[in-house]
């Protein structure tokens, strides 16, 4: 089974989706909160902002977040694949 791209698509956005969210050059584990879909979302990051989500419009979440994709095994990763 091939791994899918980690690029976030509008159709992926749903409550509870696990993402990696870019903050000041570092990716943080986060969970999507559907605040006013399809236009406004939040990303709740572990240990950040006193448990308050980062509020983002659709364009921002697509730009600053990626799917938290976890391959089944190392064999699923083609040589040269970047992981974080």
C-alpha atoms as a PDB file:
ATOM      1  CA  UNK A   1       0.000   0.000   0.000  1.00  0.00           C
ATOM      2  CA  UNK A   2       1.346   3.393  -0.978  1.00  0.00           C
ATOM      3  CA  UNK A   3       1.442   6.260   1.472  1.00  0.00           C
ATOM      4  CA  UNK A   4      -0.568   9.294   0.517  1.00  0.00           C
ATOM      5  CA  UNK A   5       0.837  12.782   0.299  1.00  0.00           C
ATOM      6  CA  UNK A   6       0.928  14.800   3.493  1.00  0.00           C
ATOM      7  CA  UNK A   7      -0.365  17.882   1.645  1.00  0.00           C
ATOM      8  CA  UNK A   8      -3.611  18.976   3.243  1.00  0.00           C
ATOM      9  CA  UNK A   9      -6.660  19.279   0.966  1.00  0.00           C
ATOM     10  CA  UNK A  10      -9.930  21.090   1.774  1.00  0.00           C
ATOM     11  CA  UNK A  11     -11.746  17.741   1.623  1.00  0.00           C
ATOM     12  CA  UNK A  12      -9.479  16.416   4.429  1.00  0.00           C
ATOM     13  CA  UNK A  13     -10.560  19.041   6.952  1.00  0.00           C
ATOM     14  CA  UNK A  14     -12.737  17.573   9.679  1.00  0.00           C
ATOM     15  CA  UNK A  15     -13.039  17.705  13.447  1.00  0.00           C
ATOM     16  CA  UNK A  16     -10.269  15.761  15.170  1.00  0.00           C
ATOM     17  CA  UNK A  17      -7.966  15.405  12.138  1.00  0.00           C
ATOM     18  CA  UNK A  18      -4.331  14.960  13.241  1.00  0.00           C
ATOM     19  CA  UNK A  19      -1.976  17.460  11.617  1.00  0.00           C
ATOM     20  CA  UNK A  20       1.490  18.906  11.980  1.00  0.00           C
ATOM     21  CA  UNK A  21       1.268  22.695  12.310  1.00  0.00           C
ATOM     22  CA  UNK A  22       4.182  25.012  11.512  1.00  0.00           C
ATOM     23  CA  UNK A  23       4.928  27.543  14.264  1.00  0.00           C
ATOM     24  CA  UNK A  24       8.082  29.664  14.074  1.00  0.00           C
ATOM     25  CA  UNK A  25       9.922  27.143  11.905  1.00  0.00           C
ATOM     26  CA  UNK A  26       8.975  24.016  13.893  1.00  0.00           C
ATOM     27  CA  UNK A  27       6.200  21.505  13.307  1.00  0.00           C
ATOM     28  CA  UNK A  28       3.945  20.796  16.287  1.00  0.00           C
ATOM     29  CA  UNK A  29       1.430  17.978  16.624  1.00  0.00           C
ATOM     30  CA  UNK A  30      -2.069  19.345  16.432  1.00  0.00           C
ATOM     31  CA  UNK A  31      -5.728  18.504  16.084  1.00  0.00           C
ATOM     32  CA  UNK A  32      -8.136  20.312  13.768  1.00  0.00           C
ATOM     33  CA  UNK A  33     -11.217  21.953  15.254  1.00  0.00           C
ATOM     34  CA  UNK A  34     -13.980  22.772  12.764  1.00  0.00           C
ATOM     35  CA  UNK A  35     -15.045  26.190  14.088  1.00  0.00           C
ATOM     36  CA  UNK A  36     -17.054  27.517  11.128  1.00  0.00           C
ATOM     37  CA  UNK A  37     -16.428  25.130   8.242  1.00  0.00           C
ATOM     38  CA  UNK A  38     -15.648  25.467   5.417  1.00  0.00           C
ATOM     39  CA  UNK A  39     -14.070  28.867   6.128  1.00  0.00           C
ATOM     40  CA  UNK A  40     -12.696  28.923   9.694  1.00  0.00           C
ATOM     41  CA  UNK A  41     -10.759  26.226  11.519  1.00  0.00           C
ATOM     42  CA  UNK A  42      -8.686  25.957  14.645  1.00  0.00           C
ATOM     43  CA  UNK A  43      -5.587  23.908  15.345  1.00  0.00           C
ATOM     44  CA  UNK A  44      -5.165  22.811  18.938  1.00  0.00           C
ATOM     45  CA  UNK A  45      -1.488  22.104  19.588  1.00  0.00           C
ATOM     46  CA  UNK A  46      -0.233  20.102  22.542  1.00  0.00           C
ATOM     47  CA  UNK A  47       1.212  22.316  25.265  1.00  0.00           C
ATOM     48  CA  UNK A  48       0.517  25.584  23.448  1.00  0.00           C
ATOM     49  CA  UNK A  49      -1.647  28.629  24.206  1.00  0.00           C
ATOM     50  CA  UNK A  50      -3.362  27.320  27.309  1.00  0.00           C
ATOM     51  CA  UNK A  51      -5.438  24.786  25.376  1.00  0.00           C
ATOM     52  CA  UNK A  52      -6.834  27.455  23.002  1.00  0.00           C
ATOM     53  CA  UNK A  53      -6.752  26.707  19.268  1.00  0.00           C
ATOM     54  CA  UNK A  54      -4.865  28.757  16.701  1.00  0.00           C
ATOM     55  CA  UNK A  55      -7.674  30.285  14.580  1.00  0.00           C
ATOM     56  CA  UNK A  56      -7.071  30.008  10.828  1.00  0.00           C
ATOM     57  CA  UNK A  57      -8.954  30.674   7.628  1.00  0.00           C
ATOM     58  CA  UNK A  58      -9.070  27.902   5.029  1.00  0.00           C
ATOM     59  CA  UNK A  59      -6.115  29.302   3.062  1.00  0.00           C
ATOM     60  CA  UNK A  60      -3.942  29.571   6.189  1.00  0.00           C
ATOM     61  CA  UNK A  61      -4.569  26.044   7.408  1.00  0.00           C
ATOM     62  CA  UNK A  62      -3.799  24.664   3.941  1.00  0.00           C
ATOM     63  CA  UNK A  63      -0.553  26.675   3.888  1.00  0.00           C
ATOM     64  CA  UNK A  64       0.718  26.081   7.446  1.00  0.00           C
ATOM     65  CA  UNK A  65      -0.484  22.562   8.291  1.00  0.00           C
ATOM     66  CA  UNK A  66       0.205  19.130   6.813  1.00  0.00           C
ATOM     67  CA  UNK A  67      -1.404  15.772   7.454  1.00  0.00           C
ATOM     68  CA  UNK A  68       0.188  13.684  10.167  1.00  0.00           C
ATOM     69  CA  UNK A  69       0.847  10.680   7.899  1.00  0.00           C
ATOM     70  CA  UNK A  70       2.317   7.614   9.555  1.00  0.00           C
ATOM     71  CA  UNK A  71       3.569   4.875   7.242  1.00  0.00           C
ATOM     72  CA  UNK A  72       2.885   1.281   8.241  1.00  0.00           C
ATOM     73  CA  UNK A  73       6.601   0.490   8.094  1.00  0.00           C
ATOM     74  CA  UNK A  74       9.915   1.754   6.740  1.00  0.00           C
ATOM     75  CA  UNK A  75       9.369  -0.479   3.701  1.00  0.00           C
ATOM     76  CA  UNK A  76       6.485   1.821   2.695  1.00  0.00           C
ATOM     77  CA  UNK A  77       8.915   4.728   2.283  1.00  0.00           C
ATOM     78  CA  UNK A  78      10.661   5.027  -1.069  1.00  0.00           C
ATOM     79  CA  UNK A  79      14.348   5.901  -0.855  1.00  0.00           C
ATOM     80  CA  UNK A  80      14.803   9.648  -0.419  1.00  0.00           C
ATOM     81  CA  UNK A  81      11.429  10.247   1.266  1.00  0.00           C
ATOM     82  CA  UNK A  82      11.534  13.092   3.796  1.00  0.00           C
ATOM     83  CA  UNK A  83      10.106  12.443   7.227  1.00  0.00           C
ATOM     84  CA  UNK A  84       9.840  14.545  10.363  1.00  0.00           C
END
